[in-house]
């Protein structure tokens, strides 16, 4: 088995950039791209590029002739898209900035060369697939649950994966979370999301401060799944 913390550290943005900087063609093969909140970038991933999120949060969607399919939330330091098999690549992905973001665009042939030489154990690919597996599992379970449970599970996921601990049980949720974003990710209407959050707030499980949501006691939120 692999050491999770080591694989994550090896795959971090800082380490990936350091590995790429060892090569003389680094400057010509990479570029930082700034996006304002709500800005959308459409990228044909089969073409030439891979994206690594330097700062901020994005929503990634597979856009195809069969309809849009939500893929994952990208957090700082995460690889947005990493081609594994040519035959299985999305034809087009939509990168939507949930906050102001900076993404590092990397020429894929250059990145592939670096990973082949610097990552013979495929730690970066393993970490990317692990993140993607967790996101896809979350999406599948969301689609089979009632709205209230979908929202509770989404809040727990955001707390566990993207939240900031403020004590033993209190967790600040990512500041991009709004009623609109919650409703979109939970596949429900905004009024329905507002009603459920009002219930959770009334129970003292969540609250807001200066516009940012916080889970006051993650144990109580998780306990709602057993009711």
C-alpha atoms as a PDB file:
ATOM      1  CA  UNK A   1       0.000   0.000   0.000  1.00  0.00           C
ATOM      2  CA  UNK A   2       1.024   3.600  -0.544  1.00  0.00           C
ATOM      3  CA  UNK A   3       1.621   6.215   2.136  1.00  0.00           C
ATOM      4  CA  UNK A   4      -1.247   8.663   1.588  1.00  0.00           C
ATOM      5  CA  UNK A   5       0.490  11.684   3.113  1.00  0.00           C
ATOM      6  CA  UNK A   6       3.668  11.094   1.077  1.00  0.00           C
ATOM      7  CA  UNK A   7       1.760  10.657  -2.186  1.00  0.00           C
ATOM      8  CA  UNK A   8      -0.206  13.865  -1.517  1.00  0.00           C
ATOM      9  CA  UNK A   9       2.944  15.784  -0.627  1.00  0.00           C
ATOM     10  CA  UNK A  10       4.770  14.513  -3.716  1.00  0.00           C
ATOM     11  CA  UNK A  11       1.781  15.535  -5.871  1.00  0.00           C
ATOM     12  CA  UNK A  12       1.465  19.005  -4.359  1.00  0.00           C
ATOM     13  CA  UNK A  13       1.560  22.111  -6.532  1.00  0.00           C
ATOM     14  CA  UNK A  14       4.832  23.253  -4.940  1.00  0.00           C
ATOM     15  CA  UNK A  15       6.577  19.942  -5.617  1.00  0.00           C
ATOM     16  CA  UNK A  16       5.240  19.608  -9.175  1.00  0.00           C
ATOM     17  CA  UNK A  17       6.468  23.100 -10.054  1.00  0.00           C
ATOM     18  CA  UNK A  18       9.857  22.342  -8.475  1.00  0.00           C
ATOM     19  CA  UNK A  19      10.161  19.166 -10.567  1.00  0.00           C
ATOM     20  CA  UNK A  20       9.266  21.007 -13.777  1.00  0.00           C
ATOM     21  CA  UNK A  21      11.669  23.857 -13.031  1.00  0.00           C
ATOM     22  CA  UNK A  22      14.585  21.435 -13.330  1.00  0.00           C
ATOM     23  CA  UNK A  23      14.114  21.501 -17.111  1.00  0.00           C
ATOM     24  CA  UNK A  24      15.253  24.257 -19.451  1.00  0.00           C
ATOM     25  CA  UNK A  25      11.952  24.346 -21.358  1.00  0.00           C
ATOM     26  CA  UNK A  26       9.916  25.076 -18.200  1.00  0.00           C
ATOM     27  CA  UNK A  27       9.255  28.739 -19.004  1.00  0.00           C
ATOM     28  CA  UNK A  28       8.069  28.099 -22.537  1.00  0.00           C
ATOM     29  CA  UNK A  29       5.930  25.127 -21.460  1.00  0.00           C
ATOM     30  CA  UNK A  30       3.972  26.749 -18.611  1.00  0.00           C
ATOM     31  CA  UNK A  31       1.844  29.846 -18.138  1.00  0.00           C
ATOM     32  CA  UNK A  32      -0.291  31.202 -15.291  1.00  0.00           C
ATOM     33  CA  UNK A  33      -3.848  32.074 -16.313  1.00  0.00           C
ATOM     34  CA  UNK A  34      -5.996  34.332 -14.102  1.00  0.00           C
ATOM     35  CA  UNK A  35      -9.780  33.929 -13.959  1.00  0.00           C
ATOM     36  CA  UNK A  36     -12.305  36.098 -12.145  1.00  0.00           C
ATOM     37  CA  UNK A  37     -15.113  34.517 -10.112  1.00  0.00           C
ATOM     38  CA  UNK A  38     -17.868  33.116 -12.394  1.00  0.00           C
ATOM     39  CA  UNK A  39     -15.587  33.252 -15.451  1.00  0.00           C
ATOM     40  CA  UNK A  40     -15.716  30.121 -17.617  1.00  0.00           C
ATOM     41  CA  UNK A  41     -12.922  28.537 -19.631  1.00  0.00           C
ATOM     42  CA  UNK A  42     -13.708  25.834 -22.190  1.00  0.00           C
ATOM     43  CA  UNK A  43     -10.766  23.580 -22.932  1.00  0.00           C
ATOM     44  CA  UNK A  44     -10.356  20.747 -25.412  1.00  0.00           C
ATOM     45  CA  UNK A  45      -8.284  18.425 -23.228  1.00  0.00           C
ATOM     46  CA  UNK A  46      -7.307  16.179 -26.123  1.00  0.00           C
ATOM     47  CA  UNK A  47      -5.378  19.042 -27.608  1.00  0.00           C
ATOM     48  CA  UNK A  48      -2.231  19.916 -25.726  1.00  0.00           C
ATOM     49  CA  UNK A  49      -2.750  21.227 -22.204  1.00  0.00           C
ATOM     50  CA  UNK A  50      -3.046  20.183 -18.584  1.00  0.00           C
ATOM     51  CA  UNK A  51      -4.123  22.565 -15.819  1.00  0.00           C
ATOM     52  CA  UNK A  52      -2.955  22.734 -12.202  1.00  0.00           C
ATOM     53  CA  UNK A  53      -4.871  24.979  -9.804  1.00  0.00           C
ATOM     54  CA  UNK A  54      -2.484  27.433  -8.167  1.00  0.00           C
ATOM     55  CA  UNK A  55      -5.060  29.297  -6.061  1.00  0.00           C
ATOM     56  CA  UNK A  56      -8.822  29.504  -5.674  1.00  0.00           C
ATOM     57  CA  UNK A  57     -11.607  27.007  -6.383  1.00  0.00           C
ATOM     58  CA  UNK A  58     -13.167  25.845  -9.645  1.00  0.00           C
ATOM     59  CA  UNK A  59     -16.014  23.641 -10.799  1.00  0.00           C
ATOM     60  CA  UNK A  60     -15.085  21.201 -13.567  1.00  0.00           C
ATOM     61  CA  UNK A  61     -17.713  19.871 -15.958  1.00  0.00           C
ATOM     62  CA  UNK A  62     -17.452  17.427 -18.860  1.00  0.00           C
ATOM     63  CA  UNK A  63     -19.273  18.994 -21.807  1.00  0.00           C
ATOM     64  CA  UNK A  64     -20.348  16.473 -24.452  1.00  0.00           C
ATOM     65  CA  UNK A  65     -23.051  15.803 -26.999  1.00  0.00           C
ATOM     66  CA  UNK A  66     -24.783  13.628 -24.407  1.00  0.00           C
ATOM     67  CA  UNK A  67     -25.181  16.584 -22.053  1.00  0.00           C
ATOM     68  CA  UNK A  68     -23.113  18.241 -19.348  1.00  0.00           C
ATOM     69  CA  UNK A  69     -21.744  15.961 -16.641  1.00  0.00           C
ATOM     70  CA  UNK A  70     -20.356  17.402 -13.396  1.00  0.00           C
ATOM     71  CA  UNK A  71     -16.884  16.051 -12.661  1.00  0.00           C
ATOM     72  CA  UNK A  72     -15.354  17.627  -9.557  1.00  0.00           C
ATOM     73  CA  UNK A  73     -14.516  20.664  -7.460  1.00  0.00           C
ATOM     74  CA  UNK A  74     -10.924  21.742  -7.928  1.00  0.00           C
ATOM     75  CA  UNK A  75      -9.144  23.030  -4.815  1.00  0.00           C
ATOM     76  CA  UNK A  76      -5.786  24.868  -4.569  1.00  0.00           C
ATOM     77  CA  UNK A  77      -2.902  22.639  -5.614  1.00  0.00           C
ATOM     78  CA  UNK A  78      -5.070  20.102  -7.438  1.00  0.00           C
ATOM     79  CA  UNK A  79      -4.632  18.954 -11.032  1.00  0.00           C
ATOM     80  CA  UNK A  80      -7.767  19.904 -12.928  1.00  0.00           C
ATOM     81  CA  UNK A  81      -7.307  17.463 -15.798  1.00  0.00           C
ATOM     82  CA  UNK A  82      -4.729  14.762 -16.348  1.00  0.00           C
ATOM     83  CA  UNK A  83      -5.148  12.582 -19.468  1.00  0.00           C
ATOM     84  CA  UNK A  84      -4.790   8.869 -18.679  1.00  0.00           C
ATOM     85  CA  UNK A  85      -6.004   7.108 -21.862  1.00  0.00           C
ATOM     86  CA  UNK A  86      -6.473   8.952 -25.143  1.00  0.00           C
ATOM     87  CA  UNK A  87      -9.644   7.013 -25.909  1.00  0.00           C
ATOM     88  CA  UNK A  88     -11.292   8.012 -22.628  1.00  0.00           C
ATOM     89  CA  UNK A  89     -10.564  11.722 -22.601  1.00  0.00           C
ATOM     90  CA  UNK A  90     -13.458  14.165 -22.356  1.00  0.00           C
ATOM     91  CA  UNK A  91     -13.721  16.006 -25.658  1.00  0.00           C
ATOM     92  CA  UNK A  92     -14.316  19.278 -23.863  1.00  0.00           C
ATOM     93  CA  UNK A  93     -14.193  20.388 -20.244  1.00  0.00           C
ATOM     94  CA  UNK A  94     -15.660  23.520 -18.726  1.00  0.00           C
ATOM     95  CA  UNK A  95     -13.634  25.174 -15.974  1.00  0.00           C
ATOM     96  CA  UNK A  96     -15.812  27.608 -13.989  1.00  0.00           C
ATOM     97  CA  UNK A  97     -14.150  29.831 -11.391  1.00  0.00           C
ATOM     98  CA  UNK A  98     -16.019  29.677  -8.075  1.00  0.00           C
ATOM     99  CA  UNK A  99     -13.652  32.358  -6.736  1.00  0.00           C
ATOM    100  CA  UNK A 100     -10.906  34.431  -8.287  1.00  0.00           C
ATOM    101  CA  UNK A 101      -8.371  31.821  -9.356  1.00  0.00           C
ATOM    102  CA  UNK A 102      -4.983  31.324 -10.929  1.00  0.00           C
ATOM    103  CA  UNK A 103      -4.404  28.145 -12.918  1.00  0.00           C
ATOM    104  CA  UNK A 104      -1.064  27.046 -14.302  1.00  0.00           C
ATOM    105  CA  UNK A 105      -1.402  25.808 -17.862  1.00  0.00           C
ATOM    106  CA  UNK A 106       1.204  23.159 -18.704  1.00  0.00           C
ATOM    107  CA  UNK A 107       2.008  21.705 -22.091  1.00  0.00           C
ATOM    108  CA  UNK A 108       1.016  18.065 -21.727  1.00  0.00           C
ATOM    109  CA  UNK A 109       3.974  16.622 -23.637  1.00  0.00           C
ATOM    110  CA  UNK A 110       6.285  18.561 -21.329  1.00  0.00           C
ATOM    111  CA  UNK A 111       4.437  17.367 -18.200  1.00  0.00           C
ATOM    112  CA  UNK A 112       4.448  13.783 -19.447  1.00  0.00           C
ATOM    113  CA  UNK A 113       8.214  13.968 -19.983  1.00  0.00           C
ATOM    114  CA  UNK A 114       8.752  15.339 -16.470  1.00  0.00           C
ATOM    115  CA  UNK A 115       6.541  12.711 -14.834  1.00  0.00           C
ATOM    116  CA  UNK A 116       8.172   9.858 -16.740  1.00  0.00           C
ATOM    117  CA  UNK A 117      11.593  10.969 -15.496  1.00  0.00           C
ATOM    118  CA  UNK A 118      10.760  12.294 -12.027  1.00  0.00           C
ATOM    119  CA  UNK A 119       7.795  10.127 -10.985  1.00  0.00           C
ATOM    120  CA  UNK A 120       8.562   6.512 -11.991  1.00  0.00           C
ATOM    121  CA  UNK A 121       6.125   5.198  -9.355  1.00  0.00           C
ATOM    122  CA  UNK A 122       3.242   7.266 -10.795  1.00  0.00           C
ATOM    123  CA  UNK A 123       2.437   8.976  -7.498  1.00  0.00           C
ATOM    124  CA  UNK A 124       0.939  12.006  -9.275  1.00  0.00           C
ATOM    125  CA  UNK A 125      -1.393   9.856 -11.384  1.00  0.00           C
ATOM    126  CA  UNK A 126      -2.393   7.741  -8.366  1.00  0.00           C
ATOM    127  CA  UNK A 127      -3.207  10.843  -6.332  1.00  0.00           C
ATOM    128  CA  UNK A 128      -5.225  12.353  -9.189  1.00  0.00           C
ATOM    129  CA  UNK A 129      -7.237   9.159  -9.699  1.00  0.00           C
ATOM    130  CA  UNK A 130      -7.815   8.860  -5.942  1.00  0.00           C
ATOM    131  CA  UNK A 131      -9.244  12.383  -5.809  1.00  0.00           C
ATOM    132  CA  UNK A 132     -11.392  11.697  -8.859  1.00  0.00           C
ATOM    133  CA  UNK A 133     -12.670   8.421  -7.384  1.00  0.00           C
ATOM    134  CA  UNK A 134     -13.802  10.173  -4.205  1.00  0.00           C
ATOM    135  CA  UNK A 135     -15.575  12.870  -6.187  1.00  0.00           C
ATOM    136  CA  UNK A 136     -17.339  10.369  -8.452  1.00  0.00           C
ATOM    137  CA  UNK A 137     -18.419   8.269  -5.466  1.00  0.00           C
ATOM    138  CA  UNK A 138     -19.814  11.395  -3.837  1.00  0.00           C
ATOM    139  CA  UNK A 139     -21.704  12.258  -7.026  1.00  0.00           C
ATOM    140  CA  UNK A 140     -23.219   8.766  -7.319  1.00  0.00           C
ATOM    141  CA  UNK A 141     -24.400   8.749  -3.695  1.00  0.00           C
ATOM    142  CA  UNK A 142     -25.850  12.224  -4.174  1.00  0.00           C
ATOM    143  CA  UNK A 143     -27.973  11.060  -7.081  1.00  0.00           C
ATOM    144  CA  UNK A 144     -29.587   8.282  -5.026  1.00  0.00           C
ATOM    145  CA  UNK A 145     -30.511  10.324  -1.936  1.00  0.00           C
ATOM    146  CA  UNK A 146     -33.417  12.632  -1.087  1.00  0.00           C
ATOM    147  CA  UNK A 147     -32.722  16.369  -1.197  1.00  0.00           C
ATOM    148  CA  UNK A 148     -32.224  16.854   2.557  1.00  0.00           C
ATOM    149  CA  UNK A 149     -29.660  14.060   2.721  1.00  0.00           C
ATOM    150  CA  UNK A 150     -27.942  15.345  -0.447  1.00  0.00           C
ATOM    151  CA  UNK A 151     -27.416  18.737   1.158  1.00  0.00           C
ATOM    152  CA  UNK A 152     -26.196  17.259   4.449  1.00  0.00           C
ATOM    153  CA  UNK A 153     -23.753  14.961   2.623  1.00  0.00           C
ATOM    154  CA  UNK A 154     -22.496  17.856   0.525  1.00  0.00           C
ATOM    155  CA  UNK A 155     -21.877  19.978   3.627  1.00  0.00           C
ATOM    156  CA  UNK A 156     -19.985  17.085   5.232  1.00  0.00           C
ATOM    157  CA  UNK A 157     -17.927  16.572   2.078  1.00  0.00           C
ATOM    158  CA  UNK A 158     -17.048  20.279   1.890  1.00  0.00           C
ATOM    159  CA  UNK A 159     -16.134  20.314   5.581  1.00  0.00           C
ATOM    160  CA  UNK A 160     -13.946  17.210   5.329  1.00  0.00           C
ATOM    161  CA  UNK A 161     -12.277  17.987   1.990  1.00  0.00           C
ATOM    162  CA  UNK A 162     -12.160  21.781   1.702  1.00  0.00           C
ATOM    163  CA  UNK A 163     -13.023  23.112   5.158  1.00  0.00           C
ATOM    164  CA  UNK A 164     -10.799  24.816   7.717  1.00  0.00           C
ATOM    165  CA  UNK A 165     -10.836  23.500  11.286  1.00  0.00           C
ATOM    166  CA  UNK A 166     -11.518  26.087  13.965  1.00  0.00           C
ATOM    167  CA  UNK A 167     -11.501  23.764  16.944  1.00  0.00           C
ATOM    168  CA  UNK A 168     -12.193  20.126  17.723  1.00  0.00           C
ATOM    169  CA  UNK A 169     -15.563  20.060  15.965  1.00  0.00           C
ATOM    170  CA  UNK A 170     -16.134  23.455  14.288  1.00  0.00           C
ATOM    171  CA  UNK A 171     -15.242  23.727  10.600  1.00  0.00           C
ATOM    172  CA  UNK A 172     -15.319  26.783   8.335  1.00  0.00           C
ATOM    173  CA  UNK A 173     -16.745  25.900   4.934  1.00  0.00           C
ATOM    174  CA  UNK A 174     -15.101  27.260   1.756  1.00  0.00           C
ATOM    175  CA  UNK A 175     -16.058  30.893   1.241  1.00  0.00           C
ATOM    176  CA  UNK A 176     -17.414  30.260  -2.277  1.00  0.00           C
ATOM    177  CA  UNK A 177     -20.400  28.423  -0.765  1.00  0.00           C
ATOM    178  CA  UNK A 178     -23.679  30.282  -1.341  1.00  0.00           C
ATOM    179  CA  UNK A 179     -27.304  29.175  -1.555  1.00  0.00           C
ATOM    180  CA  UNK A 180     -26.971  29.132  -5.339  1.00  0.00           C
ATOM    181  CA  UNK A 181     -23.804  27.010  -5.331  1.00  0.00           C
ATOM    182  CA  UNK A 182     -25.243  24.633  -2.738  1.00  0.00           C
ATOM    183  CA  UNK A 183     -28.438  24.176  -4.747  1.00  0.00           C
ATOM    184  CA  UNK A 184     -26.473  23.519  -7.940  1.00  0.00           C
ATOM    185  CA  UNK A 185     -24.203  20.902  -6.373  1.00  0.00           C
ATOM    186  CA  UNK A 186     -27.109  19.276  -4.501  1.00  0.00           C
ATOM    187  CA  UNK A 187     -29.273  19.233  -7.653  1.00  0.00           C
ATOM    188  CA  UNK A 188     -32.202  21.050  -6.059  1.00  0.00           C
ATOM    189  CA  UNK A 189     -33.922  24.419  -6.179  1.00  0.00           C
ATOM    190  CA  UNK A 190     -32.545  27.399  -4.272  1.00  0.00           C
ATOM    191  CA  UNK A 191     -35.708  27.745  -2.105  1.00  0.00           C
ATOM    192  CA  UNK A 192     -35.354  24.082  -1.089  1.00  0.00           C
ATOM    193  CA  UNK A 193     -31.704  24.638  -0.136  1.00  0.00           C
ATOM    194  CA  UNK A 194     -32.635  27.764   1.860  1.00  0.00           C
ATOM    195  CA  UNK A 195     -35.317  25.841   3.780  1.00  0.00           C
ATOM    196  CA  UNK A 196     -32.944  23.024   4.767  1.00  0.00           C
ATOM    197  CA  UNK A 197     -30.122  25.379   5.787  1.00  0.00           C
ATOM    198  CA  UNK A 198     -32.639  27.375   7.864  1.00  0.00           C
ATOM    199  CA  UNK A 199     -33.541  24.113   9.644  1.00  0.00           C
ATOM    200  CA  UNK A 200     -29.872  23.295  10.318  1.00  0.00           C
ATOM    201  CA  UNK A 201     -29.243  26.831  11.518  1.00  0.00           C
ATOM    202  CA  UNK A 202     -32.236  26.634  13.852  1.00  0.00           C
ATOM    203  CA  UNK A 203     -30.753  23.481  15.383  1.00  0.00           C
ATOM    204  CA  UNK A 204     -27.442  25.268  15.996  1.00  0.00           C
ATOM    205  CA  UNK A 205     -25.546  22.953  13.658  1.00  0.00           C
ATOM    206  CA  UNK A 206     -24.451  25.612  11.149  1.00  0.00           C
ATOM    207  CA  UNK A 207     -24.173  29.404  11.185  1.00  0.00           C
ATOM    208  CA  UNK A 208     -22.680  32.286   9.218  1.00  0.00           C
ATOM    209  CA  UNK A 209     -20.175  34.996  10.071  1.00  0.00           C
ATOM    210  CA  UNK A 210     -19.484  37.839   7.657  1.00  0.00           C
ATOM    211  CA  UNK A 211     -21.077  35.864   4.864  1.00  0.00           C
ATOM    212  CA  UNK A 212     -19.095  32.639   5.388  1.00  0.00           C
ATOM    213  CA  UNK A 213     -20.780  29.420   6.504  1.00  0.00           C
ATOM    214  CA  UNK A 214     -19.440  27.290   9.332  1.00  0.00           C
ATOM    215  CA  UNK A 215     -20.384  23.875  10.696  1.00  0.00           C
ATOM    216  CA  UNK A 216     -20.520  24.470  14.440  1.00  0.00           C
ATOM    217  CA  UNK A 217     -20.372  20.780  15.359  1.00  0.00           C
ATOM    218  CA  UNK A 218     -19.424  18.312  12.608  1.00  0.00           C
ATOM    219  CA  UNK A 219     -20.506  15.409  14.850  1.00  0.00           C
ATOM    220  CA  UNK A 220     -24.098  16.659  14.981  1.00  0.00           C
ATOM    221  CA  UNK A 221     -24.160  17.181  11.217  1.00  0.00           C
ATOM    222  CA  UNK A 222     -22.865  13.649  10.605  1.00  0.00           C
ATOM    223  CA  UNK A 223     -25.363  12.308  13.139  1.00  0.00           C
ATOM    224  CA  UNK A 224     -28.262  13.541  10.968  1.00  0.00           C
ATOM    225  CA  UNK A 225     -27.419  10.827   8.443  1.00  0.00           C
ATOM    226  CA  UNK A 226     -28.371   8.179  11.019  1.00  0.00           C
ATOM    227  CA  UNK A 227     -31.808   9.597  11.787  1.00  0.00           C
END
